[in-house]
């Protein structure tokens, strides 16, 4: 069994958000990073497109802010958007200083000479990228720097079970504070106690709650569910982004065709070759993702087609191999040559726009607990994430959380910032449970939950569908909780427990929003309500209520 020692900062998640936060912490801060699979198995390596960054001066910054707010259907917090967008150039320069090999229009490697592509919802080219494998290259760059830092230790195949807070320990006479986590060593099936002065949740989103997704199997909403159980508010979970173009090929499972393909001129076609996006939006294929996904869904239902087609073959082989080498190679493995034919595509669950409520530093409602990246709700995305803003958000809030922690560590004897001693924490107790007798219950409930979410809480919703989903989820929650209470934990059980929690939050949030906005489209309220333009859907664990709140 891998033993994890007490640390100053425990980071749960090994993607761009978690790694960038670790690298921004000074060398005298002991850091442990947990990955529930191999260290590079999260969602970040799957990001093909790039990092949105306004590198063209003040007007580019202002346009990026407008594009973000427009894509988010006026729900983004403008102050947050401005802070993130204005940090774009600095984040790109930081990555260049680490040796990030962005695609460039010259050999200088400087930010002003980077090749910038365009994606849906953006008014101009501002996506810094490394060909079509930006996420993979970003992780490789960050890891190279992490491995050189002796104060940072990486632990693979470690799945956090739950956060440890002072209120969980029965210390209710003081403000609630996070002091660590119970962690399952997946290979040994042993749960250990990990003590930490601060914990950062950076474990990604929850798109695996749906039957079809572009995300890896690890996207099970672990951080959101743990934060909710610990007492954090969660916001805007009704806004689950469906990426318009996932390769329609069972063998590929969940292979995304980057938005940059449309940014470079790719068009969407019906099976008979008819282009349809100009009928739905003035920006056609470059409309925001929610518009494109709904248009594809509508055309598939109208025509009875199993998929639509994405065509960029007219750009020629040399152009495609230069701009999309990874996508081209992967599609060839399945018998599709994008230099000569259109690719079959369908929408699939892609990005969780809601999450744990945090402030500008990434702080949650619980002292000592931060949430960054897709796990968090910062106010940046609103009702729909603008393409390639996600990696930018990871970098900006990774830096913000680290700076906040540094300021706290730099004043340990201050009367206003004392570092509380970590109280005694009992070891994980599994003496009252037994080995599972029928593991098929877990796999059956896993499939049933994800299919119910796909059928009833998908791209187009109705109140009746949502109520059906709520009923099924309530039954599944009881079954899963009973199973969790009586049997030893496993990776599959813990992920299912987290998924059903997140699914419940998504449905409750969707039922509470009586309008259509961004990614949430319901036939019962097909129009947006101007009075709700700046209102978030807030789930509060103490009252188990869902309320509306301005940013």
Protein backbone atom coordinates (compact mmCIF):
# COMPACT_ATOMS: atom_id res chain seq x y z
CA UNK A 1 0.00 0.00 0.00
CA UNK A 2 1.20 3.51 -0.85
CA UNK A 3 1.52 5.57 2.33
CA UNK A 4 0.65 9.26 2.03
CA UNK A 5 2.22 11.39 4.77
CA UNK A 6 0.68 14.51 6.37
CA UNK A 7 1.17 17.53 4.10
CA UNK A 8 0.61 21.26 4.02
CA UNK A 9 -1.53 21.07 0.86
CA UNK A 10 -3.39 18.04 -0.45
CA UNK A 11 -4.47 18.40 -4.10
CA UNK A 12 -7.14 15.95 -5.22
CA UNK A 13 -6.78 15.74 -8.99
CA UNK A 14 -3.82 15.76 -11.36
CA UNK A 15 -5.08 17.82 -14.31
CA UNK A 16 -4.15 21.31 -15.43
CA UNK A 17 -5.81 22.99 -12.43
CA UNK A 18 -4.17 20.83 -9.77
CA UNK A 19 -0.71 20.77 -11.35
CA UNK A 20 -0.64 24.51 -12.01
CA UNK A 21 -1.67 25.20 -8.40
CA UNK A 22 1.12 22.95 -7.13
CA UNK A 23 3.72 24.70 -9.29
CA UNK A 24 2.66 28.12 -8.01
CA UNK A 25 3.29 27.07 -4.38
CA UNK A 26 6.75 27.79 -2.92
CA UNK A 27 9.29 25.06 -2.31
CA UNK A 28 8.82 25.14 1.48
CA UNK A 29 5.18 24.00 1.18
CA UNK A 30 4.77 20.23 1.24
CA UNK A 31 2.33 19.17 -1.47
CA UNK A 32 0.71 15.82 -2.27
CA UNK A 33 -1.18 15.37 -5.56
CA UNK A 34 -3.62 12.47 -5.86
CA UNK A 35 -4.61 10.88 -9.16
CA UNK A 36 -7.17 8.09 -9.16
CA UNK A 37 -5.54 6.57 -12.23
CA UNK A 38 -2.19 7.02 -13.94
CA UNK A 39 -0.98 10.57 -13.42
CA UNK A 40 -1.97 11.70 -16.94
CA UNK A 41 -5.36 9.96 -17.12
CA UNK A 42 -7.66 12.91 -16.37
CA UNK A 43 -9.64 15.12 -18.74
CA UNK A 44 -6.89 17.64 -19.56
CA UNK A 45 -4.96 15.36 -21.97
CA UNK A 46 -8.19 14.94 -23.94
CA UNK A 47 -8.42 18.68 -24.66
CA UNK A 48 -7.61 19.09 -28.34
CA UNK A 49 -8.45 22.73 -29.06
CA UNK A 50 -6.34 25.06 -26.96
CA UNK A 51 -6.29 27.92 -24.47
CA UNK A 52 -8.36 31.02 -25.14
CA UNK A 53 -6.17 34.07 -24.60
CA UNK A 54 -6.67 37.64 -25.78
CA UNK A 55 -3.17 38.47 -27.01
CA UNK A 56 -4.20 41.28 -29.35
CA UNK A 57 -4.38 44.17 -26.92
CA UNK A 58 -7.20 46.02 -25.15
CA UNK A 59 -9.82 45.59 -27.89
CA UNK A 60 -9.15 41.84 -28.05
CA UNK A 61 -9.61 41.65 -24.27
CA UNK A 62 -12.91 43.54 -24.46
CA UNK A 63 -14.12 41.35 -27.34
CA UNK A 64 -13.16 38.19 -25.44
CA UNK A 65 -15.18 39.44 -22.47
CA UNK A 66 -18.18 40.12 -24.71
CA UNK A 67 -17.85 36.73 -26.42
CA UNK A 68 -17.74 34.95 -23.05
CA UNK A 69 -20.81 36.76 -21.71
CA UNK A 70 -22.74 36.23 -24.93
CA UNK A 71 -21.92 32.51 -25.06
CA UNK A 72 -22.94 32.21 -21.39
CA UNK A 73 -26.34 33.78 -22.15
CA UNK A 74 -25.65 36.83 -19.95
CA UNK A 75 -25.26 34.67 -16.84
CA UNK A 76 -21.47 34.97 -16.36
CA UNK A 77 -20.22 37.25 -13.58
CA UNK A 78 -18.68 40.13 -15.57
CA UNK A 79 -16.09 40.90 -12.88
CA UNK A 80 -14.93 37.29 -12.92
CA UNK A 81 -14.87 37.20 -16.71
CA UNK A 82 -12.74 40.35 -16.84
CA UNK A 83 -10.29 39.05 -14.23
CA UNK A 84 -9.84 35.73 -16.07
CA UNK A 85 -9.62 37.20 -19.57
CA UNK A 86 -7.13 39.90 -18.53
CA UNK A 87 -4.91 37.12 -17.13
CA UNK A 88 -4.77 35.28 -20.46
CA UNK A 89 -1.53 36.76 -21.82
CA UNK A 90 0.23 36.27 -18.48
CA UNK A 91 -0.78 32.60 -18.33
CA UNK A 92 0.50 31.97 -21.86
CA UNK A 93 3.81 33.65 -20.99
CA UNK A 94 4.07 31.47 -17.86
CA UNK A 95 3.56 28.33 -19.91
CA UNK A 96 6.14 29.50 -22.45
CA UNK A 97 8.57 29.98 -19.56
CA UNK A 98 8.00 26.33 -18.64
CA UNK A 99 8.79 25.29 -22.20
CA UNK A 100 5.27 24.73 -23.54
CA UNK A 101 5.70 24.11 -27.31
CA UNK A 102 2.77 26.07 -28.72
CA UNK A 103 2.20 26.05 -32.46
CA UNK A 104 3.93 29.15 -33.79
CA UNK A 105 4.02 31.22 -36.95
CA UNK A 106 7.73 31.83 -36.46
CA UNK A 107 10.71 30.24 -34.78
CA UNK A 108 10.94 32.81 -31.97
CA UNK A 109 8.57 30.98 -29.61
CA UNK A 110 7.27 34.30 -28.28
CA UNK A 111 3.58 34.83 -27.49
CA UNK A 112 3.10 37.53 -30.14
CA UNK A 113 4.12 35.02 -32.85
CA UNK A 114 1.96 32.08 -31.79
CA UNK A 115 -0.41 30.58 -34.32
CA UNK A 116 -3.92 31.36 -33.11
CA UNK A 117 -6.96 29.43 -34.28
CA UNK A 118 -10.65 30.25 -33.94
CA UNK A 119 -13.46 28.27 -32.33
CA UNK A 120 -17.22 28.59 -32.00
CA UNK A 121 -18.47 31.70 -30.19
CA UNK A 122 -15.20 33.61 -30.60
CA UNK A 123 -15.27 36.77 -32.71
CA UNK A 124 -11.68 36.34 -33.83
CA UNK A 125 -8.67 34.02 -33.70
CA UNK A 126 -7.43 33.84 -30.12
CA UNK A 127 -6.90 30.13 -29.34
CA UNK A 128 -3.27 29.35 -28.51
CA UNK A 129 -2.67 25.67 -29.22
CA UNK A 130 -0.18 22.87 -29.74
CA UNK A 131 -1.49 21.47 -33.03
CA UNK A 132 -4.61 19.46 -32.06
CA UNK A 133 -3.22 17.92 -28.87
CA UNK A 134 -2.92 20.96 -26.60
CA UNK A 135 -4.16 19.23 -23.46
CA UNK A 136 -1.72 16.34 -23.76
CA UNK A 137 1.18 18.71 -24.40
CA UNK A 138 0.11 20.95 -21.52
CA UNK A 139 0.10 18.04 -19.07
CA UNK A 140 3.50 16.88 -20.28
CA UNK A 141 4.89 20.39 -19.80
CA UNK A 142 3.45 20.80 -16.31
CA UNK A 143 4.53 17.33 -15.20
CA UNK A 144 8.11 17.95 -16.32
CA UNK A 145 8.23 20.93 -13.95
CA UNK A 146 6.42 19.07 -11.15
CA UNK A 147 8.91 16.20 -11.28
CA UNK A 148 11.71 18.71 -10.71
CA UNK A 149 10.14 19.99 -7.49
CA UNK A 150 11.16 17.92 -4.41
CA UNK A 151 8.36 19.44 -2.30
CA UNK A 152 5.68 17.94 -4.58
CA UNK A 153 4.85 14.23 -4.47
CA UNK A 154 2.51 12.50 -6.93
CA UNK A 155 0.41 9.53 -5.84
CA UNK A 156 -1.29 7.41 -8.51
CA UNK A 157 -4.34 5.15 -8.14
CA UNK A 158 -5.63 7.04 -5.11
CA UNK A 159 -9.35 7.87 -4.90
CA UNK A 160 -10.59 10.25 -2.21
CA UNK A 161 -13.59 8.81 -0.37
CA UNK A 162 -14.67 11.87 1.60
CA UNK A 163 -13.29 15.07 3.03
CA UNK A 164 -12.50 15.23 6.74
CA UNK A 165 -13.81 18.38 8.42
CA UNK A 166 -13.89 19.51 12.03
CA UNK A 167 -17.69 19.25 12.05
CA UNK A 168 -17.46 15.68 10.78
CA UNK A 169 -15.18 15.00 13.75
CA UNK A 170 -17.85 16.39 16.09
CA UNK A 171 -16.05 19.67 16.81
CA UNK A 172 -19.13 21.80 16.28
CA UNK A 173 -18.11 24.54 18.71
CA UNK A 174 -15.76 26.04 16.10
CA UNK A 175 -16.10 27.08 12.45
CA UNK A 176 -16.05 24.15 10.07
CA UNK A 177 -12.61 23.52 8.59
CA UNK A 178 -11.22 20.92 6.21
CA UNK A 179 -8.28 19.00 7.71
CA UNK A 180 -7.74 16.21 5.20
CA UNK A 181 -9.42 13.33 3.44
CA UNK A 182 -10.02 9.60 3.62
CA UNK A 183 -8.35 8.06 0.57
CA UNK A 184 -8.76 4.64 -1.03
CA UNK A 185 -5.61 3.03 -2.37
CA UNK A 186 -7.24 1.39 -5.38
CA UNK A 187 -4.64 -1.35 -5.80
CA UNK A 188 -4.73 -2.53 -2.18
CA UNK A 189 -8.38 -1.62 -1.37
CA UNK A 190 -7.14 0.01 1.83
CA UNK A 191 -8.51 3.35 3.05
CA UNK A 192 -6.04 5.63 4.80
CA UNK A 193 -6.30 8.97 6.57
CA UNK A 194 -4.46 11.86 4.91
CA UNK A 195 -3.98 14.95 7.09
CA UNK A 196 -3.52 18.38 5.48
CA UNK A 197 -3.73 22.03 6.48
CA UNK A 198 -5.40 22.84 3.16
CA UNK A 199 -7.15 20.74 0.54
CA UNK A 200 -7.69 21.67 -3.10
CA UNK A 201 -10.42 19.86 -5.03
CA UNK A 202 -9.32 19.73 -8.67
CA UNK A 203 -10.86 16.45 -9.78
CA UNK A 204 -12.75 17.59 -12.88
CA UNK A 205 -16.37 17.39 -13.91
CA UNK A 206 -19.27 14.96 -13.99
CA UNK A 207 -20.06 14.25 -17.65
CA UNK A 208 -19.86 10.49 -16.94
CA UNK A 209 -23.31 10.89 -15.39
CA UNK A 210 -24.50 10.58 -19.00
CA UNK A 211 -24.54 7.50 -21.20
CA UNK A 212 -22.60 9.18 -24.01
CA UNK A 213 -19.74 11.53 -23.20
CA UNK A 214 -16.51 12.86 -24.65
CA UNK A 215 -14.89 12.55 -21.22
CA UNK A 216 -12.68 9.79 -19.82
CA UNK A 217 -14.12 7.28 -17.34
CA UNK A 218 -12.66 9.31 -14.46
CA UNK A 219 -15.14 12.20 -14.88
CA UNK A 220 -17.52 11.04 -12.15
CA UNK A 221 -18.05 14.27 -10.23
CA UNK A 222 -15.98 13.15 -7.24
CA UNK A 223 -14.94 16.61 -6.06
CA UNK A 224 -18.39 18.13 -6.47
CA UNK A 225 -20.02 15.29 -4.56
CA UNK A 226 -17.43 15.36 -1.75
CA UNK A 227 -17.71 19.11 -1.39
CA UNK A 228 -21.52 18.88 -1.28
CA UNK A 229 -21.45 16.17 1.38
CA UNK A 230 -18.98 18.24 3.41
CA UNK A 231 -21.30 21.26 3.41
CA UNK A 232 -20.37 23.37 0.36
CA UNK A 233 -22.94 25.13 -1.78
CA UNK A 234 -23.15 24.00 -5.40
CA UNK A 235 -24.34 26.23 -8.25
CA UNK A 236 -25.75 25.99 -11.79
CA UNK A 237 -25.62 22.22 -12.16
CA UNK A 238 -28.38 22.33 -14.78
CA UNK A 239 -25.86 23.63 -17.30
CA UNK A 240 -24.18 20.50 -18.68
CA UNK A 241 -22.48 21.24 -21.97
CA UNK A 242 -22.93 18.77 -24.81
CA UNK A 243 -20.11 18.94 -27.33
CA UNK A 244 -21.64 18.99 -30.81
CA UNK A 245 -19.12 16.73 -32.53
CA UNK A 246 -18.18 13.40 -31.00
CA UNK A 247 -17.13 10.76 -33.54
CA UNK A 248 -20.07 8.43 -34.19
CA UNK A 249 -18.13 5.19 -33.95
CA UNK A 250 -18.72 2.56 -31.21
CA UNK A 251 -15.09 1.43 -31.28
CA UNK A 252 -13.93 5.00 -30.56
CA UNK A 253 -16.10 5.11 -27.42
CA UNK A 254 -15.85 8.87 -26.79
CA UNK A 255 -13.50 10.51 -29.27
CA UNK A 256 -14.07 14.24 -29.65
CA UNK A 257 -13.61 16.05 -32.95
CA UNK A 258 -12.20 19.42 -31.92
CA UNK A 259 -14.16 22.62 -32.36
CA UNK A 260 -11.10 23.91 -34.16
CA UNK A 261 -12.10 21.76 -37.16
CA UNK A 262 -15.13 24.02 -37.56
CA UNK A 263 -12.99 27.03 -36.66
CA UNK A 264 -10.79 26.27 -39.67
CA UNK A 265 -13.77 25.99 -42.03
CA UNK A 266 -15.38 22.60 -41.40
CA UNK A 267 -19.11 22.40 -42.19
CA UNK A 268 -21.91 20.22 -40.82
CA UNK A 269 -23.96 18.21 -43.31
CA UNK A 270 -27.03 16.00 -43.28
CA UNK A 271 -26.64 12.47 -44.69
CA UNK A 272 -27.80 13.76 -48.08
CA UNK A 273 -25.05 16.40 -48.08
CA UNK A 274 -27.24 19.38 -47.18
CA UNK A 275 -25.66 22.02 -44.96
CA UNK A 276 -28.06 23.08 -42.17
CA UNK A 277 -26.35 25.32 -39.61
CA UNK A 278 -26.99 28.61 -41.53
CA UNK A 279 -30.69 27.97 -40.90
CA UNK A 280 -30.11 28.01 -37.13
CA UNK A 281 -27.68 30.85 -36.45
CA UNK A 282 -25.94 33.71 -38.30
CA UNK A 283 -22.55 32.28 -37.28
CA UNK A 284 -23.52 28.86 -38.66
CA UNK A 285 -20.96 26.22 -37.55
CA UNK A 286 -19.21 28.81 -35.37
CA UNK A 287 -22.28 29.47 -33.22
CA UNK A 288 -21.93 28.70 -29.48
CA UNK A 289 -21.88 25.02 -28.60
CA UNK A 290 -25.38 24.91 -27.11
CA UNK A 291 -26.84 26.23 -30.37
CA UNK A 292 -24.89 23.76 -32.54
CA UNK A 293 -25.66 20.77 -30.30
CA UNK A 294 -29.40 21.54 -30.26
CA UNK A 295 -29.39 22.05 -34.02
CA UNK A 296 -27.78 18.65 -34.59
CA UNK A 297 -30.16 17.01 -32.12
CA UNK A 298 -33.13 18.64 -33.88
CA UNK A 299 -32.01 17.57 -37.36
CA UNK A 300 -31.35 13.99 -36.22
CA UNK A 301 -34.84 13.80 -34.72
CA UNK A 302 -36.43 15.47 -37.77
CA UNK A 303 -34.76 13.21 -40.34
CA UNK A 304 -34.41 10.04 -38.27
CA UNK A 305 -30.67 10.04 -38.96
CA UNK A 306 -28.27 8.31 -36.56
CA UNK A 307 -25.71 11.10 -36.99
CA UNK A 308 -24.71 14.12 -39.07
CA UNK A 309 -21.41 14.69 -40.88
CA UNK A 310 -18.53 17.11 -40.38
CA UNK A 311 -16.63 17.89 -43.57
CA UNK A 312 -13.29 19.66 -43.92
CA UNK A 313 -11.91 17.47 -46.71
CA UNK A 314 -12.08 20.39 -49.15
CA UNK A 315 -9.16 22.02 -47.29
CA UNK A 316 -6.81 19.41 -48.69
CA UNK A 317 -4.54 16.77 -47.22
CA UNK A 318 -1.56 19.01 -46.45
CA UNK A 319 -3.65 21.52 -44.49
CA UNK A 320 -5.44 18.82 -42.48
CA UNK A 321 -2.29 16.88 -41.64
CA UNK A 322 -0.59 20.08 -40.46
CA UNK A 323 -3.48 21.38 -38.32
CA UNK A 324 -5.12 18.15 -37.11
CA UNK A 325 -2.47 15.41 -37.11
CA UNK A 326 -3.79 13.58 -34.04
CA UNK A 327 -7.46 13.67 -35.08
CA UNK A 328 -6.54 12.56 -38.61
CA UNK A 329 -4.44 9.67 -37.36
CA UNK A 330 -7.06 8.52 -34.85
CA UNK A 331 -9.88 8.62 -37.41
CA UNK A 332 -7.78 6.57 -39.85
CA UNK A 333 -7.63 3.85 -37.19
CA UNK A 334 -11.40 3.51 -37.51
CA UNK A 335 -11.46 3.67 -41.30
CA UNK A 336 -12.30 7.38 -41.75
CA UNK A 337 -10.02 9.56 -43.86
CA UNK A 338 -10.99 13.18 -43.08
CA UNK A 339 -8.83 14.37 -45.99
CA UNK A 340 -11.21 12.61 -48.39
CA UNK A 341 -14.58 12.21 -46.66
CA UNK A 342 -16.86 13.75 -44.01
CA UNK A 343 -16.75 12.36 -40.47
CA UNK A 344 -19.92 10.99 -38.78
CA UNK A 345 -20.57 12.95 -35.57
CA UNK A 346 -23.15 13.24 -32.76
CA UNK A 347 -23.40 15.42 -29.63
CA UNK A 348 -22.18 13.99 -26.31
CA UNK A 349 -21.97 15.23 -22.70
CA UNK A 350 -18.77 17.23 -22.44
CA UNK A 351 -18.37 19.85 -19.70
CA UNK A 352 -19.88 20.64 -16.30
CA UNK A 353 -20.46 24.41 -16.22
CA UNK A 354 -21.70 24.35 -12.62
CA UNK A 355 -19.87 23.16 -9.52
CA UNK A 356 -18.81 24.08 -6.01
CA UNK A 357 -19.31 27.77 -5.27
CA UNK A 358 -15.97 29.58 -4.81
CA UNK A 359 -14.75 33.15 -4.48
CA UNK A 360 -12.04 34.86 -6.52
CA UNK A 361 -9.35 32.91 -4.66
CA UNK A 362 -10.98 29.52 -5.25
CA UNK A 363 -12.10 29.32 -1.60
CA UNK A 364 -15.22 27.31 -0.84
CA UNK A 365 -17.67 27.78 2.05
CA UNK A 366 -15.41 25.62 4.25
CA UNK A 367 -12.17 27.05 5.65
CA UNK A 368 -9.08 25.30 4.34
CA UNK A 369 -10.92 23.91 1.30
CA UNK A 370 -10.47 25.19 -2.24
CA UNK A 371 -12.06 24.07 -5.52
CA UNK A 372 -10.59 24.90 -8.93
CA UNK A 373 -11.08 23.87 -12.54
CA UNK A 374 -14.18 22.02 -13.69
CA UNK A 375 -15.01 21.04 -10.10
CA UNK A 376 -15.77 24.66 -9.25
CA UNK A 377 -18.32 27.32 -10.09
CA UNK A 378 -16.42 30.59 -10.43
CA UNK A 379 -19.01 32.56 -12.39
CA UNK A 380 -16.96 32.49 -15.60
CA UNK A 381 -19.07 30.19 -17.76
CA UNK A 382 -22.64 31.15 -16.91
CA UNK A 383 -25.16 29.09 -18.89
CA UNK A 384 -22.64 27.84 -21.45
CA UNK A 385 -18.84 27.67 -21.54
CA UNK A 386 -17.13 29.49 -24.38
CA UNK A 387 -14.77 27.16 -26.23
CA UNK A 388 -11.23 26.89 -24.76
CA UNK A 389 -12.01 29.07 -21.73
CA UNK A 390 -11.72 25.97 -19.53
CA UNK A 391 -7.95 25.54 -19.59
CA UNK A 392 -7.57 29.28 -19.08
CA UNK A 393 -9.79 29.07 -15.99
CA UNK A 394 -7.71 26.16 -14.65
CA UNK A 395 -4.52 28.20 -14.90
CA UNK A 396 -5.97 31.42 -13.49
CA UNK A 397 -7.61 29.80 -10.47
CA UNK A 398 -4.71 27.43 -9.88
CA UNK A 399 -2.58 30.54 -9.48
CA UNK A 400 -5.21 32.34 -7.37
CA UNK A 401 -5.61 29.45 -4.92
CA UNK A 402 -1.86 29.05 -4.58
CA UNK A 403 -1.36 32.76 -3.90
CA UNK A 404 -4.09 32.68 -1.25
CA UNK A 405 -2.48 29.68 0.44
CA UNK A 406 0.94 31.35 0.28
CA UNK A 407 -0.38 34.48 1.99
CA UNK A 408 -1.85 32.28 4.70
CA UNK A 409 1.37 30.32 5.19
CA UNK A 410 3.47 33.48 5.23
CA UNK A 411 1.65 34.76 8.32
CA UNK A 412 1.29 31.71 10.59
CA UNK A 413 1.75 33.71 13.79
CA UNK A 414 -0.53 36.55 12.80
CA UNK A 415 -3.45 37.12 15.12
CA UNK A 416 -5.76 37.26 12.11
CA UNK A 417 -4.33 34.23 10.30
CA UNK A 418 -3.29 31.61 12.85
CA UNK A 419 -2.73 28.10 11.54
CA UNK A 420 -4.95 25.85 13.64
CA UNK A 421 -3.50 22.56 14.75
CA UNK A 422 -5.01 19.56 12.98
CA UNK A 423 -7.07 17.67 15.56
CA UNK A 424 -6.84 13.95 16.15
CA UNK A 425 -8.51 12.09 13.29
CA UNK A 426 -9.77 8.53 13.71
CA UNK A 427 -8.73 5.94 11.16
CA UNK A 428 -11.23 4.69 8.62
CA UNK A 429 -13.44 2.09 10.32
CA UNK A 430 -14.67 -0.80 8.17
CA UNK A 431 -15.12 -3.26 11.02
CA UNK A 432 -18.91 -3.19 10.68
CA UNK A 433 -19.05 -3.97 6.94
CA UNK A 434 -18.40 -7.06 4.85
CA UNK A 435 -17.18 -7.84 1.35
CA UNK A 436 -19.83 -7.24 -1.33
CA UNK A 437 -22.03 -10.25 -2.01
CA UNK A 438 -23.42 -9.13 -5.39
CA UNK A 439 -21.24 -6.64 -7.25
CA UNK A 440 -23.70 -6.77 -10.16
CA UNK A 441 -25.86 -4.29 -8.21
CA UNK A 442 -23.19 -1.63 -8.71
CA UNK A 443 -22.82 -2.21 -12.45
CA UNK A 444 -26.60 -2.40 -12.96
CA UNK A 445 -27.26 0.85 -11.08
CA UNK A 446 -24.38 2.52 -12.90
CA UNK A 447 -25.95 1.72 -16.27
CA UNK A 448 -29.48 2.61 -15.17
CA UNK A 449 -28.42 5.98 -13.77
CA UNK A 450 -26.52 7.05 -16.88
CA UNK A 451 -29.27 5.94 -19.24
CA UNK A 452 -31.94 7.76 -17.21
CA UNK A 453 -29.85 10.94 -17.33
CA UNK A 454 -29.38 10.61 -21.10
CA UNK A 455 -33.06 9.92 -21.79
CA UNK A 456 -34.62 12.44 -19.39
CA UNK A 457 -32.01 15.15 -18.65
CA UNK A 458 -30.34 15.57 -22.03
CA UNK A 459 -30.10 18.32 -24.64
CA UNK A 460 -33.87 18.94 -24.71
CA UNK A 461 -35.82 18.63 -21.44
CA UNK A 462 -39.37 18.76 -20.14
CA UNK A 463 -40.70 19.00 -16.60
CA UNK A 464 -42.22 15.54 -16.95
CA UNK A 465 -38.92 14.02 -18.05
CA UNK A 466 -37.08 15.72 -15.19
CA UNK A 467 -39.64 14.45 -12.66
CA UNK A 468 -39.22 10.92 -13.99
CA UNK A 469 -35.48 11.26 -13.61
CA UNK A 470 -35.86 12.60 -10.06
CA UNK A 471 -38.00 9.60 -9.11
CA UNK A 472 -35.51 7.07 -10.52
CA UNK A 473 -32.53 8.85 -8.94
CA UNK A 474 -34.22 8.90 -5.50
CA UNK A 475 -34.66 5.11 -5.67
CA UNK A 476 -31.11 4.58 -6.87
CA UNK A 477 -29.70 6.84 -4.13
CA UNK A 478 -31.38 4.74 -1.45
CA UNK A 479 -30.10 1.50 -2.95
CA UNK A 480 -26.57 2.85 -3.35
CA UNK A 481 -26.47 4.34 0.13
CA UNK A 482 -27.66 1.05 1.62
CA UNK A 483 -24.98 -0.81 -0.31
CA UNK A 484 -22.33 1.72 0.81
CA UNK A 485 -23.39 1.33 4.45
CA UNK A 486 -23.10 -2.46 4.49
CA UNK A 487 -20.16 -3.35 2.24
CA UNK A 488 -16.50 -2.41 1.88
CA UNK A 489 -15.85 0.40 -0.52
CA UNK A 490 -14.42 -0.07 -3.99
CA UNK A 491 -13.56 2.30 -6.82
CA UNK A 492 -16.74 1.46 -8.74
CA UNK A 493 -18.96 1.89 -5.69
CA UNK A 494 -17.41 5.23 -4.72
CA UNK A 495 -17.71 6.61 -8.24
CA UNK A 496 -21.33 5.47 -8.46
CA UNK A 497 -22.05 7.08 -5.08
CA UNK A 498 -20.61 10.34 -6.38
CA UNK A 499 -22.41 10.14 -9.72
CA UNK A 500 -25.84 9.64 -8.18
CA UNK A 501 -25.22 12.64 -5.90
CA UNK A 502 -24.26 14.82 -8.84
CA UNK A 503 -27.16 13.54 -10.97
CA UNK A 504 -29.54 14.51 -8.19
CA UNK A 505 -28.06 18.03 -8.11
CA UNK A 506 -28.38 18.37 -11.90
CA UNK A 507 -32.06 17.35 -11.87
CA UNK A 508 -32.98 19.52 -8.88
CA UNK A 509 -31.27 22.52 -10.49
CA UNK A 510 -32.98 21.92 -13.83
CA UNK A 511 -36.41 21.68 -12.18
CA UNK A 512 -35.77 24.96 -10.37
CA UNK A 513 -34.95 26.98 -13.52
CA UNK A 514 -38.26 27.94 -15.14
CA UNK A 515 -36.83 29.20 -18.41
CA UNK A 516 -34.58 28.11 -21.26
CA UNK A 517 -31.11 29.61 -21.09
CA UNK A 518 -27.88 28.44 -22.65
CA UNK A 519 -27.41 24.73 -22.14
CA UNK A 520 -30.69 24.31 -20.26
CA UNK A 521 -33.50 24.04 -22.81
CA UNK A 522 -36.95 22.93 -21.67
CA UNK A 523 -40.05 22.73 -23.84
CA UNK A 524 -42.21 23.82 -20.90
CA UNK A 525 -40.36 27.17 -20.70
CA UNK A 526 -38.91 27.60 -24.21
CA UNK A 527 -37.98 31.28 -23.83
CA UNK A 528 -35.41 33.01 -21.65
CA UNK A 529 -36.77 35.13 -18.81
CA UNK A 530 -34.98 38.53 -18.71
CA UNK A 531 -35.56 38.67 -14.94
CA UNK A 532 -33.36 35.58 -14.55
CA UNK A 533 -30.51 36.86 -16.73
CA UNK A 534 -28.12 37.19 -13.78
CA UNK A 535 -29.63 34.63 -11.40
CA UNK A 536 -27.71 31.49 -10.41
CA UNK A 537 -29.28 28.26 -9.20
CA UNK A 538 -27.82 27.56 -5.75
CA UNK A 539 -28.10 24.19 -3.96
CA UNK A 540 -27.50 24.46 -0.20
CA UNK A 541 -26.72 21.21 1.66
CA UNK A 542 -27.77 22.41 5.12
CA UNK A 543 -31.34 23.09 4.02
CA UNK A 544 -31.34 20.70 1.03
CA UNK A 545 -33.00 23.57 -0.84
CA UNK A 546 -32.44 24.97 -4.31
CA UNK A 547 -32.66 28.77 -4.47
CA UNK A 548 -32.03 31.56 -6.96
CA UNK A 549 -29.24 34.04 -6.29
CA UNK A 550 -27.53 36.89 -8.11
CA UNK A 551 -23.74 36.50 -8.60
